[in-house]
């Protein structure tokens, strides 16, 4: 069971990264903090390979900038990334709505005596 949870979680992380990159440049530590805000504990050893793979796939592009004397790598969404996000949003919405609707129906049926 943990493998399926991890696989699904990481898929949602990828969509979440595209979402934030569409709003503006992102960087790794910022996204680790953003995910922590949602209750997810993600290590740099998990997040950075995801960012790199999304860059290699053409969904993100990166640029290094010096911030307070340190080099920081910012990631930007590409046109391919925008297209992917546009296709993913309705699919994610449809699946989540269906799953949450089923949960509501299940609860209703249990309290209804069905």
PDB file of N, CA and C in Angstrom:
ATOM      1  N   UNK A   1       0.813  -1.216   0.000  1.00  0.00           N
ATOM      2  CA  UNK A   1       0.000   0.000   0.000  1.00  0.00           C
ATOM      3  C   UNK A   1       0.852   1.275   0.000  1.00  0.00           C
ATOM      4  N   UNK A   2       1.958   1.352   0.757  1.00  0.00           N
ATOM      5  CA  UNK A   2       2.739   2.597   0.738  1.00  0.00           C
ATOM      6  C   UNK A   2       3.237   2.979  -0.645  1.00  0.00           C
ATOM      7  N   UNK A   3       3.548   2.022  -1.516  1.00  0.00           N
ATOM      8  CA  UNK A   3       4.047   2.353  -2.851  1.00  0.00           C
ATOM      9  C   UNK A   3       3.009   3.109  -3.657  1.00  0.00           C
ATOM     10  N   UNK A   4       1.737   2.696  -3.574  1.00  0.00           N
ATOM     11  CA  UNK A   4       0.693   3.388  -4.333  1.00  0.00           C
ATOM     12  C   UNK A   4       0.487   4.794  -3.770  1.00  0.00           C
ATOM     13  N   UNK A   5       0.547   4.953  -2.462  1.00  0.00           N
ATOM     14  CA  UNK A   5       0.413   6.268  -1.850  1.00  0.00           C
ATOM     15  C   UNK A   5       1.526   7.188  -2.339  1.00  0.00           C
ATOM     16  N   UNK A   6       2.756   6.687  -2.325  1.00  0.00           N
ATOM     17  CA  UNK A   6       3.910   7.479  -2.768  1.00  0.00           C
ATOM     18  C   UNK A   6       3.781   7.848  -4.246  1.00  0.00           C
ATOM     19  N   UNK A   7       3.407   6.904  -5.082  1.00  0.00           N
ATOM     20  CA  UNK A   7       3.267   7.168  -6.516  1.00  0.00           C
ATOM     21  C   UNK A   7       2.230   8.258  -6.776  1.00  0.00           C
ATOM     22  N   UNK A   8       1.096   8.158  -6.106  1.00  0.00           N
ATOM     23  CA  UNK A   8       0.019   9.137  -6.304  1.00  0.00           C
ATOM     24  C   UNK A   8       0.443  10.495  -5.752  1.00  0.00           C
ATOM     25  N   UNK A   9       1.034  10.485  -4.574  1.00  0.00           N
ATOM     26  CA  UNK A   9       1.515  11.726  -3.970  1.00  0.00           C
ATOM     27  C   UNK A   9       2.499  12.431  -4.893  1.00  0.00           C
ATOM     28  N   UNK A  10       3.465  11.697  -5.442  1.00  0.00           N
ATOM     29  CA  UNK A  10       4.466  12.312  -6.304  1.00  0.00           C
ATOM     30  C   UNK A  10       3.855  12.830  -7.604  1.00  0.00           C
ATOM     31  N   UNK A  11       2.817  12.175  -8.086  1.00  0.00           N
ATOM     32  CA  UNK A  11       2.120  12.675  -9.278  1.00  0.00           C
ATOM     33  C   UNK A  11       1.450  14.014  -8.965  1.00  0.00           C
ATOM     34  N   UNK A  12       0.812  14.106  -7.797  1.00  0.00           N
ATOM     35  CA  UNK A  12       0.187  15.371  -7.404  1.00  0.00           C
ATOM     36  C   UNK A  12       1.241  16.454  -7.163  1.00  0.00           C
ATOM     37  N   UNK A  13       2.400  16.083  -6.646  1.00  0.00           N
ATOM     38  CA  UNK A  13       3.486  17.047  -6.456  1.00  0.00           C
ATOM     39  C   UNK A  13       3.885  17.635  -7.801  1.00  0.00           C
ATOM     40  N   UNK A  14       3.981  16.814  -8.827  1.00  0.00           N
ATOM     41  CA  UNK A  14       4.351  17.311 -10.154  1.00  0.00           C
ATOM     42  C   UNK A  14       3.332  18.336 -10.664  1.00  0.00           C
ATOM     43  N   UNK A  15       2.056  18.041 -10.485  1.00  0.00           N
ATOM     44  CA  UNK A  15       1.008  18.981 -10.910  1.00  0.00           C
ATOM     45  C   UNK A  15       1.103  20.256 -10.077  1.00  0.00           C
ATOM     46  N   UNK A  16       1.356  20.096  -8.785  1.00  0.00           N
ATOM     47  CA  UNK A  16       1.481  21.245  -7.884  1.00  0.00           C
ATOM     48  C   UNK A  16       2.657  22.129  -8.300  1.00  0.00           C
ATOM     49  N   UNK A  17       3.770  21.518  -8.679  1.00  0.00           N
ATOM     50  CA  UNK A  17       4.933  22.275  -9.141  1.00  0.00           C
ATOM     51  C   UNK A  17       4.601  23.053 -10.415  1.00  0.00           C
ATOM     52  N   UNK A  18       3.927  22.412 -11.356  1.00  0.00           N
ATOM     53  CA  UNK A  18       3.525  23.112 -12.581  1.00  0.00           C
ATOM     54  C   UNK A  18       2.610  24.285 -12.251  1.00  0.00           C
ATOM     55  N   UNK A  19       1.676  24.067 -11.341  1.00  0.00           N
ATOM     56  CA  UNK A  19       0.737  25.118 -10.932  1.00  0.00           C
ATOM     57  C   UNK A  19       1.491  26.342 -10.409  1.00  0.00           C
ATOM     58  N   UNK A  20       2.424  26.116  -9.490  1.00  0.00           N
ATOM     59  CA  UNK A  20       3.153  27.247  -8.911  1.00  0.00           C
ATOM     60  C   UNK A  20       4.108  27.872  -9.913  1.00  0.00           C
ATOM     61  N   UNK A  21       4.726  27.068 -10.760  1.00  0.00           N
ATOM     62  CA  UNK A  21       5.619  27.614 -11.784  1.00  0.00           C
ATOM     63  C   UNK A  21       4.840  28.451 -12.793  1.00  0.00           C
ATOM     64  N   UNK A  22       3.576  28.134 -12.995  1.00  0.00           N
ATOM     65  CA  UNK A  22       2.739  28.938 -13.894  1.00  0.00           C
ATOM     66  C   UNK A  22       2.454  30.310 -13.288  1.00  0.00           C
ATOM     67  N   UNK A  23       2.499  30.388 -11.953  1.00  0.00           N
ATOM     68  CA  UNK A  23       2.258  31.664 -11.268  1.00  0.00           C
ATOM     69  C   UNK A  23       3.505  32.537 -11.228  1.00  0.00           C
ATOM     70  N   UNK A  24       4.686  31.899 -11.332  1.00  0.00           N
ATOM     71  CA  UNK A  24       5.937  32.640 -11.285  1.00  0.00           C
ATOM     72  C   UNK A  24       7.082  31.685 -11.006  1.00  0.00           C
ATOM     73  N   UNK A  25       8.316  32.185 -11.048  1.00  0.00           N
ATOM     74  CA  UNK A  25       9.471  31.317 -10.832  1.00  0.00           C
ATOM     75  C   UNK A  25       9.419  30.657  -9.452  1.00  0.00           C
ATOM     76  N   UNK A  26       9.867  29.407  -9.380  1.00  0.00           N
ATOM     77  CA  UNK A  26       9.902  28.666  -8.124  1.00  0.00           C
ATOM     78  C   UNK A  26      11.324  28.166  -7.892  1.00  0.00           C
ATOM     79  N   UNK A  27      11.625  27.831  -6.654  1.00  0.00           N
ATOM     80  CA  UNK A  27      12.895  27.187  -6.339  1.00  0.00           C
ATOM     81  C   UNK A  27      12.640  26.106  -5.298  1.00  0.00           C
ATOM     82  N   UNK A  28      13.581  25.192  -5.182  1.00  0.00           N
ATOM     83  CA  UNK A  28      13.387  23.984  -4.405  1.00  0.00           C
ATOM     84  C   UNK A  28      12.966  24.201  -2.971  1.00  0.00           C
ATOM     85  N   UNK A  29      13.726  24.976  -2.192  1.00  0.00           N
ATOM     86  CA  UNK A  29      13.405  25.169  -0.778  1.00  0.00           C
ATOM     87  C   UNK A  29      12.023  25.790  -0.611  1.00  0.00           C
ATOM     88  N   UNK A  30      11.697  26.734  -1.478  1.00  0.00           N
ATOM     89  CA  UNK A  30      10.378  27.364  -1.437  1.00  0.00           C
ATOM     90  C   UNK A  30       9.278  26.313  -1.604  1.00  0.00           C
ATOM     91  N   UNK A  31       9.471  25.385  -2.521  1.00  0.00           N
ATOM     92  CA  UNK A  31       8.450  24.366  -2.764  1.00  0.00           C
ATOM     93  C   UNK A  31       8.406  23.331  -1.642  1.00  0.00           C
ATOM     94  N   UNK A  32       9.540  23.041  -1.032  1.00  0.00           N
ATOM     95  CA  UNK A  32       9.540  22.156   0.136  1.00  0.00           C
ATOM     96  C   UNK A  32       8.711  22.792   1.249  1.00  0.00           C
ATOM     97  N   UNK A  33       8.884  24.101   1.444  1.00  0.00           N
ATOM     98  CA  UNK A  33       8.115  24.824   2.452  1.00  0.00           C
ATOM     99  C   UNK A  33       6.634  24.886   2.082  1.00  0.00           C
ATOM    100  N   UNK A  34       6.349  25.092   0.809  1.00  0.00           N
ATOM    101  CA  UNK A  34       4.959  25.120   0.337  1.00  0.00           C
ATOM    102  C   UNK A  34       4.279  23.780   0.589  1.00  0.00           C
ATOM    103  N   UNK A  35       4.960  22.695   0.269  1.00  0.00           N
ATOM    104  CA  UNK A  35       4.391  21.366   0.497  1.00  0.00           C
ATOM    105  C   UNK A  35       4.226  21.099   1.989  1.00  0.00           C
ATOM    106  N   UNK A  36       5.166  21.579   2.811  1.00  0.00           N
ATOM    107  CA  UNK A  36       5.055  21.421   4.266  1.00  0.00           C
ATOM    108  C   UNK A  36       3.828  22.167   4.780  1.00  0.00           C
ATOM    109  N   UNK A  37       3.527  23.303   4.166  1.00  0.00           N
ATOM    110  CA  UNK A  37       2.335  24.077   4.545  1.00  0.00           C
ATOM    111  C   UNK A  37       1.066  23.252   4.352  1.00  0.00           C
ATOM    112  N   UNK A  38       1.120  22.322   3.406  1.00  0.00           N
ATOM    113  CA  UNK A  38      -0.016  21.429   3.139  1.00  0.00           C
ATOM    114  C   UNK A  38       0.084  20.125   3.934  1.00  0.00           C
ATOM    115  N   UNK A  39       1.105  20.029   4.785  1.00  0.00           N
ATOM    116  CA  UNK A  39       1.245  18.855   5.633  1.00  0.00           C
ATOM    117  C   UNK A  39       2.129  17.750   5.076  1.00  0.00           C
ATOM    118  N   UNK A  40       2.882  18.042   4.014  1.00  0.00           N
ATOM    119  CA  UNK A  40       3.740  17.033   3.401  1.00  0.00           C
ATOM    120  C   UNK A  40       5.195  17.315   3.724  1.00  0.00           C
ATOM    121  N   UNK A  41       5.890  16.289   4.166  1.00  0.00           N
ATOM    122  CA  UNK A  41       7.305  16.400   4.505  1.00  0.00           C
ATOM    123  C   UNK A  41       8.109  15.828   3.341  1.00  0.00           C
ATOM    124  N   UNK A  42       8.654  16.723   2.527  1.00  0.00           N
ATOM    125  CA  UNK A  42       9.405  16.272   1.358  1.00  0.00           C
ATOM    126  C   UNK A  42      10.857  16.683   1.500  1.00  0.00           C
ATOM    127  N   UNK A  43      11.735  15.742   1.269  1.00  0.00           N
ATOM    128  CA  UNK A  43      13.169  16.018   1.390  1.00  0.00           C
ATOM    129  C   UNK A  43      13.708  16.573   0.069  1.00  0.00           C
ATOM    130  N   UNK A  44      14.821  17.304   0.144  1.00  0.00           N
ATOM    131  CA  UNK A  44      15.467  17.767  -1.088  1.00  0.00           C
ATOM    132  C   UNK A  44      15.846  16.595  -1.991  1.00  0.00           C
ATOM    133  N   UNK A  45      16.195  15.460  -1.396  1.00  0.00           N
ATOM    134  CA  UNK A  45      16.578  14.284  -2.169  1.00  0.00           C
ATOM    135  C   UNK A  45      15.436  13.694  -2.972  1.00  0.00           C
ATOM    136  N   UNK A  46      14.211  14.061  -2.623  1.00  0.00           N
ATOM    137  CA  UNK A  46      13.039  13.640  -3.400  1.00  0.00           C
ATOM    138  C   UNK A  46      12.626  14.733  -4.376  1.00  0.00           C
ATOM    139  N   UNK A  47      12.602  15.983  -3.905  1.00  0.00           N
ATOM    140  CA  UNK A  47      12.091  17.076  -4.739  1.00  0.00           C
ATOM    141  C   UNK A  47      13.014  17.427  -5.909  1.00  0.00           C
ATOM    142  N   UNK A  48      14.311  17.545  -5.658  1.00  0.00           N
ATOM    143  CA  UNK A  48      15.196  18.003  -6.722  1.00  0.00           C
ATOM    144  C   UNK A  48      15.243  17.051  -7.922  1.00  0.00           C
ATOM    145  N   UNK A  49      15.252  15.734  -7.720  1.00  0.00           N
ATOM    146  CA  UNK A  49      15.175  14.859  -8.896  1.00  0.00           C
ATOM    147  C   UNK A  49      13.876  15.042  -9.695  1.00  0.00           C
ATOM    148  N   UNK A  50      12.786  15.364  -9.005  1.00  0.00           N
ATOM    149  CA  UNK A  50      11.519  15.617  -9.700  1.00  0.00           C
ATOM    150  C   UNK A  50      11.652  16.885 -10.553  1.00  0.00           C
ATOM    151  N   UNK A  51      12.183  17.953  -9.954  1.00  0.00           N
ATOM    152  CA  UNK A  51      12.389  19.193 -10.713  1.00  0.00           C
ATOM    153  C   UNK A  51      13.297  18.956 -11.915  1.00  0.00           C
ATOM    154  N   UNK A  52      14.381  18.208 -11.713  1.00  0.00           N
ATOM    155  CA  UNK A  52      15.314  17.934 -12.815  1.00  0.00           C
ATOM    156  C   UNK A  52      14.644  17.123 -13.920  1.00  0.00           C
ATOM    157  N   UNK A  53      13.855  16.121 -13.532  1.00  0.00           N
ATOM    158  CA  UNK A  53      13.186  15.298 -14.553  1.00  0.00           C
ATOM    159  C   UNK A  53      12.141  16.103 -15.316  1.00  0.00           C
ATOM    160  N   UNK A  54      11.473  17.021 -14.633  1.00  0.00           N
ATOM    161  CA  UNK A  54      10.489  17.866 -15.318  1.00  0.00           C
ATOM    162  C   UNK A  54      11.180  18.838 -16.266  1.00  0.00           C
ATOM    163  N   UNK A  55      12.382  19.261 -15.887  1.00  0.00           N
ATOM    164  CA  UNK A  55      13.159  20.123 -16.777  1.00  0.00           C
ATOM    165  C   UNK A  55      13.631  19.323 -17.994  1.00  0.00           C
ATOM    166  N   UNK A  56      14.140  18.134 -17.762  1.00  0.00           N
ATOM    167  CA  UNK A  56      14.604  17.288 -18.872  1.00  0.00           C
ATOM    168  C   UNK A  56      13.461  16.946 -19.823  1.00  0.00           C
ATOM    169  N   UNK A  57      12.245  16.798 -19.281  1.00  0.00           N
ATOM    170  CA  UNK A  57      11.087  16.480 -20.107  1.00  0.00           C
ATOM    171  C   UNK A  57      10.552  17.706 -20.850  1.00  0.00           C
ATOM    172  N   UNK A  58      11.067  18.899 -20.514  1.00  0.00           N
ATOM    173  CA  UNK A  58      10.655  20.105 -21.221  1.00  0.00           C
ATOM    174  C   UNK A  58       9.495  20.856 -20.599  1.00  0.00           C
ATOM    175  N   UNK A  59       9.072  20.476 -19.388  1.00  0.00           N
ATOM    176  CA  UNK A  59       7.951  21.154 -18.726  1.00  0.00           C
ATOM    177  C   UNK A  59       8.407  22.366 -17.923  1.00  0.00           C
ATOM    178  N   UNK A  60       9.664  22.342 -17.504  1.00  0.00           N
ATOM    179  CA  UNK A  60      10.258  23.450 -16.761  1.00  0.00           C
ATOM    180  C   UNK A  60      11.587  23.818 -17.411  1.00  0.00           C
ATOM    181  N   UNK A  61      11.976  25.061 -17.237  1.00  0.00           N
ATOM    182  CA  UNK A  61      13.307  25.522 -17.615  1.00  0.00           C
ATOM    183  C   UNK A  61      13.890  26.168 -16.366  1.00  0.00           C
ATOM    184  N   UNK A  62      15.208  26.259 -16.293  1.00  0.00           N
ATOM    185  CA  UNK A  62      15.805  26.830 -15.088  1.00  0.00           C
ATOM    186  C   UNK A  62      16.818  27.908 -15.421  1.00  0.00           C
ATOM    187  N   UNK A  63      17.087  28.705 -14.407  1.00  0.00           N
ATOM    188  CA  UNK A  63      18.066  29.780 -14.513  1.00  0.00           C
ATOM    189  C   UNK A  63      18.677  29.976 -13.130  1.00  0.00           C
ATOM    190  N   UNK A  64      19.990  30.084 -13.076  1.00  0.00           N
ATOM    191  CA  UNK A  64      20.655  30.305 -11.793  1.00  0.00           C
ATOM    192  C   UNK A  64      20.796  31.793 -11.536  1.00  0.00           C
ATOM    193  N   UNK A  65      20.524  32.174 -10.279  1.00  0.00           N
ATOM    194  CA  UNK A  65      20.689  33.561  -9.859  1.00  0.00           C
ATOM    195  C   UNK A  65      21.406  33.571  -8.517  1.00  0.00           C
ATOM    196  N   UNK A  66      22.161  34.607  -8.273  1.00  0.00           N
ATOM    197  CA  UNK A  66      22.823  34.758  -6.977  1.00  0.00           C
ATOM    198  C   UNK A  66      21.893  35.531  -6.056  1.00  0.00           C
ATOM    199  N   UNK A  67      21.601  34.910  -4.900  1.00  0.00           N
ATOM    200  CA  UNK A  67      20.730  35.520  -3.901  1.00  0.00           C
ATOM    201  C   UNK A  67      21.465  35.492  -2.573  1.00  0.00           C
ATOM    202  N   UNK A  68      21.732  36.658  -2.025  1.00  0.00           N
ATOM    203  CA  UNK A  68      22.463  36.796  -0.761  1.00  0.00           C
ATOM    204  C   UNK A  68      23.767  35.999  -0.780  1.00  0.00           C
ATOM    205  N   UNK A  69      24.482  36.087  -1.879  1.00  0.00           N
ATOM    206  CA  UNK A  69      25.781  35.453  -2.016  1.00  0.00           C
ATOM    207  C   UNK A  69      25.741  33.971  -2.348  1.00  0.00           C
ATOM    208  N   UNK A  70      24.550  33.397  -2.479  1.00  0.00           N
ATOM    209  CA  UNK A  70      24.423  31.972  -2.799  1.00  0.00           C
ATOM    210  C   UNK A  70      23.733  31.820  -4.150  1.00  0.00           C
ATOM    211  N   UNK A  71      24.109  30.773  -4.859  1.00  0.00           N
ATOM    212  CA  UNK A  71      23.467  30.514  -6.153  1.00  0.00           C
ATOM    213  C   UNK A  71      22.175  29.753  -5.914  1.00  0.00           C
ATOM    214  N   UNK A  72      21.107  30.270  -6.469  1.00  0.00           N
ATOM    215  CA  UNK A  72      19.792  29.636  -6.365  1.00  0.00           C
ATOM    216  C   UNK A  72      19.305  29.329  -7.777  1.00  0.00           C
ATOM    217  N   UNK A  73      18.750  28.155  -7.957  1.00  0.00           N
ATOM    218  CA  UNK A  73      18.229  27.740  -9.258  1.00  0.00           C
ATOM    219  C   UNK A  73      16.712  27.957  -9.267  1.00  0.00           C
ATOM    220  N   UNK A  74      16.277  28.851 -10.132  1.00  0.00           N
ATOM    221  CA  UNK A  74      14.852  29.120 -10.298  1.00  0.00           C
ATOM    222  C   UNK A  74      14.326  28.322 -11.476  1.00  0.00           C
ATOM    223  N   UNK A  75      13.136  27.798 -11.307  1.00  0.00           N
ATOM    224  CA  UNK A  75      12.478  27.032 -12.364  1.00  0.00           C
ATOM    225  C   UNK A  75      11.282  27.820 -12.877  1.00  0.00           C
ATOM    226  N   UNK A  76      11.128  27.803 -14.198  1.00  0.00           N
ATOM    227  CA  UNK A  76      10.053  28.507 -14.890  1.00  0.00           C
ATOM    228  C   UNK A  76       9.261  27.487 -15.699  1.00  0.00           C
ATOM    229  N   UNK A  77       7.972  27.710 -15.808  1.00  0.00           N
ATOM    230  CA  UNK A  77       7.175  26.818 -16.647  1.00  0.00           C
ATOM    231  C   UNK A  77       7.459  27.147 -18.114  1.00  0.00           C
ATOM    232  N   UNK A  78       7.493  26.128 -18.940  1.00  0.00           N
ATOM    233  CA  UNK A  78       7.688  26.306 -20.378  1.00  0.00           C
ATOM    234  C   UNK A  78       6.327  26.257 -21.062  1.00  0.00           C
ATOM    235  N   UNK A  79       6.323  26.483 -22.345  1.00  0.00           N
ATOM    236  CA  UNK A  79       5.064  26.369 -23.104  1.00  0.00           C
ATOM    237  C   UNK A  79       4.528  24.941 -23.016  1.00  0.00           C
ATOM    238  N   UNK A  80       5.428  23.960 -23.088  1.00  0.00           N
ATOM    239  CA  UNK A  80       4.999  22.551 -22.936  1.00  0.00           C
ATOM    240  C   UNK A  80       4.397  22.314 -21.558  1.00  0.00           C
ATOM    241  N   UNK A  81       4.992  22.920 -20.541  1.00  0.00           N
ATOM    242  CA  UNK A  81       4.477  22.798 -19.183  1.00  0.00           C
ATOM    243  C   UNK A  81       3.094  23.406 -19.055  1.00  0.00           C
ATOM    244  N   UNK A  82       2.895  24.569 -19.707  1.00  0.00           N
ATOM    245  CA  UNK A  82       1.568  25.207 -19.682  1.00  0.00           C
ATOM    246  C   UNK A  82       0.520  24.332 -20.364  1.00  0.00           C
ATOM    247  N   UNK A  83       0.898  23.747 -21.483  1.00  0.00           N
ATOM    248  CA  UNK A  83      -0.028  22.850 -22.194  1.00  0.00           C
ATOM    249  C   UNK A  83      -0.381  21.656 -21.312  1.00  0.00           C
ATOM    250  N   UNK A  84       0.632  21.071 -20.676  1.00  0.00           N
ATOM    251  CA  UNK A  84       0.399  19.914 -19.807  1.00  0.00           C
ATOM    252  C   UNK A  84      -0.514  20.299 -18.653  1.00  0.00           C
ATOM    253  N   UNK A  85      -0.272  21.447 -18.039  1.00  0.00           N
ATOM    254  CA  UNK A  85      -1.101  21.890 -16.919  1.00  0.00           C
ATOM    255  C   UNK A  85      -2.539  22.119 -17.361  1.00  0.00           C
ATOM    256  N   UNK A  86      -2.716  22.699 -18.540  1.00  0.00           N
ATOM    257  CA  UNK A  86      -4.072  22.916 -19.062  1.00  0.00           C
ATOM    258  C   UNK A  86      -4.803  21.592 -19.258  1.00  0.00           C
ATOM    259  N   UNK A  87      -4.086  20.561 -19.701  1.00  0.00           N
ATOM    260  CA  UNK A  87      -4.692  19.244 -19.889  1.00  0.00           C
ATOM    261  C   UNK A  87      -4.906  18.523 -18.562  1.00  0.00           C
ATOM    262  N   UNK A  88      -4.016  18.734 -17.614  1.00  0.00           N
ATOM    263  CA  UNK A  88      -4.097  18.038 -16.328  1.00  0.00           C
ATOM    264  C   UNK A  88      -5.186  18.578 -15.412  1.00  0.00           C
ATOM    265  N   UNK A  89      -5.368  19.880 -15.395  1.00  0.00           N
ATOM    266  CA  UNK A  89      -6.330  20.478 -14.451  1.00  0.00           C
ATOM    267  C   UNK A  89      -7.725  19.860 -14.555  1.00  0.00           C
ATOM    268  N   UNK A  90      -8.327  19.790 -15.723  1.00  0.00           N
ATOM    269  CA  UNK A  90      -9.681  19.201 -15.771  1.00  0.00           C
ATOM    270  C   UNK A  90      -9.680  17.712 -15.416  1.00  0.00           C
ATOM    271  N   UNK A  91      -8.610  16.999 -15.754  1.00  0.00           N
ATOM    272  CA  UNK A  91      -8.539  15.568 -15.426  1.00  0.00           C
ATOM    273  C   UNK A  91      -8.449  15.370 -13.917  1.00  0.00           C
ATOM    274  N   UNK A  92      -7.590  16.161 -13.275  1.00  0.00           N
ATOM    275  CA  UNK A  92      -7.450  16.070 -11.819  1.00  0.00           C
ATOM    276  C   UNK A  92      -8.773  16.440 -11.152  1.00  0.00           C
ATOM    277  N   UNK A  93      -9.391  17.529 -11.617  1.00  0.00           N
ATOM    278  CA  UNK A  93     -10.664  17.976 -11.047  1.00  0.00           C
ATOM    279  C   UNK A  93     -11.723  16.883 -11.175  1.00  0.00           C
ATOM    280  N   UNK A  94     -11.812  16.273 -12.350  1.00  0.00           N
ATOM    281  CA  UNK A  94     -12.811  15.227 -12.587  1.00  0.00           C
ATOM    282  C   UNK A  94     -12.592  14.030 -11.653  1.00  0.00           C
ATOM    283  N   UNK A  95     -11.350  13.578 -11.570  1.00  0.00           N
ATOM    284  CA  UNK A  95     -11.057  12.415 -10.720  1.00  0.00           C
ATOM    285  C   UNK A  95     -11.286  12.715  -9.247  1.00  0.00           C
ATOM    286  N   UNK A  96     -10.803  13.873  -8.800  1.00  0.00           N
ATOM    287  CA  UNK A  96     -10.969  14.233  -7.389  1.00  0.00           C
ATOM    288  C   UNK A  96     -12.445  14.392  -7.061  1.00  0.00           C
ATOM    289  N   UNK A  97     -13.199  15.062  -7.923  1.00  0.00           N
ATOM    290  CA  UNK A  97     -14.631  15.224  -7.670  1.00  0.00           C
ATOM    291  C   UNK A  97     -15.339  13.881  -7.590  1.00  0.00           C
ATOM    292  N   UNK A  98     -14.976  12.964  -8.467  1.00  0.00           N
ATOM    293  CA  UNK A  98     -15.604  11.652  -8.443  1.00  0.00           C
ATOM    294  C   UNK A  98     -15.246  10.906  -7.163  1.00  0.00           C
ATOM    295  N   UNK A  99     -13.986  10.913  -6.808  1.00  0.00           N
ATOM    296  CA  UNK A  99     -13.559  10.198  -5.599  1.00  0.00           C
ATOM    297  C   UNK A  99     -14.212  10.815  -4.359  1.00  0.00           C
ATOM    298  N   UNK A 100     -14.238  12.125  -4.269  1.00  0.00           N
ATOM    299  CA  UNK A 100     -14.851  12.764  -3.108  1.00  0.00           C
ATOM    300  C   UNK A 100     -16.353  12.565  -3.096  1.00  0.00           C
ATOM    301  N   UNK A 101     -16.971  12.552  -4.254  1.00  0.00           N
ATOM    302  CA  UNK A 101     -18.409  12.282  -4.334  1.00  0.00           C
ATOM    303  C   UNK A 101     -18.705  10.871  -3.849  1.00  0.00           C
ATOM    304  N   UNK A 102     -17.891   9.912  -4.265  1.00  0.00           N
ATOM    305  CA  UNK A 102     -18.074   8.525  -3.829  1.00  0.00           C
ATOM    306  C   UNK A 102     -17.942   8.415  -2.321  1.00  0.00           C
ATOM    307  N   UNK A 103     -17.004   9.148  -1.741  1.00  0.00           N
ATOM    308  CA  UNK A 103     -16.816   9.131  -0.294  1.00  0.00           C
ATOM    309  C   UNK A 103     -18.055   9.663   0.399  1.00  0.00           C
ATOM    310  N   UNK A 104     -18.620  10.740  -0.144  1.00  0.00           N
ATOM    311  CA  UNK A 104     -19.831  11.323   0.421  1.00  0.00           C
ATOM    312  C   UNK A 104     -20.984  10.348   0.302  1.00  0.00           C
ATOM    313  N   UNK A 105     -21.109   9.701  -0.850  1.00  0.00           N
ATOM    314  CA  UNK A 105     -22.180   8.722  -1.059  1.00  0.00           C
ATOM    315  C   UNK A 105     -22.010   7.558  -0.081  1.00  0.00           C
ATOM    316  N   UNK A 106     -20.776   7.065   0.078  1.00  0.00           N
ATOM    317  CA  UNK A 106     -20.523   5.966   1.010  1.00  0.00           C
ATOM    318  C   UNK A 106     -20.940   6.337   2.427  1.00  0.00           C
ATOM    319  N   UNK A 107     -20.586   7.536   2.890  1.00  0.00           N
ATOM    320  CA  UNK A 107     -20.956   7.973   4.227  1.00  0.00           C
ATOM    321  C   UNK A 107     -22.471   8.075   4.351  1.00  0.00           C
ATOM    322  N   UNK A 108     -23.111   8.629   3.338  1.00  0.00           N
ATOM    323  CA  UNK A 108     -24.558   8.776   3.367  1.00  0.00           C
ATOM    324  C   UNK A 108     -25.223   7.410   3.431  1.00  0.00           C
ATOM    325  N   UNK A 109     -24.752   6.473   2.629  1.00  0.00           N
ATOM    326  CA  UNK A 109     -25.339   5.136   2.604  1.00  0.00           C
ATOM    327  C   UNK A 109     -25.173   4.450   3.956  1.00  0.00           C
ATOM    328  N   UNK A 110     -24.031   4.626   4.612  1.00  0.00           N
ATOM    329  CA  UNK A 110     -23.812   3.994   5.909  1.00  0.00           C
ATOM    330  C   UNK A 110     -24.726   4.578   6.969  1.00  0.00           C
ATOM    331  N   UNK A 111     -24.926   5.895   6.958  1.00  0.00           N
ATOM    332  CA  UNK A 111     -25.778   6.512   7.964  1.00  0.00           C
ATOM    333  C   UNK A 111     -27.249   6.293   7.622  1.00  0.00           C
ATOM    334  N   UNK A 112     -27.510   6.018   6.364  1.00  0.00           N
ATOM    335  CA  UNK A 112     -28.881   5.793   5.907  1.00  0.00           C
ATOM    336  C   UNK A 112     -29.310   4.352   6.153  1.00  0.00           C
ATOM    337  N   UNK A 113     -28.379   3.521   6.604  1.00  0.00           N
ATOM    338  CA  UNK A 113     -28.720   2.137   6.866  1.00  0.00           C
ATOM    339  C   UNK A 113     -28.586   1.230   5.668  1.00  0.00           C
ATOM    340  N   UNK A 114     -28.102   1.746   4.550  1.00  0.00           N
ATOM    341  CA  UNK A 114     -27.958   0.937   3.336  1.00  0.00           C
ATOM    342  C   UNK A 114     -26.745   0.053   3.413  1.00  0.00           C
TER     343      UNK A 114
END
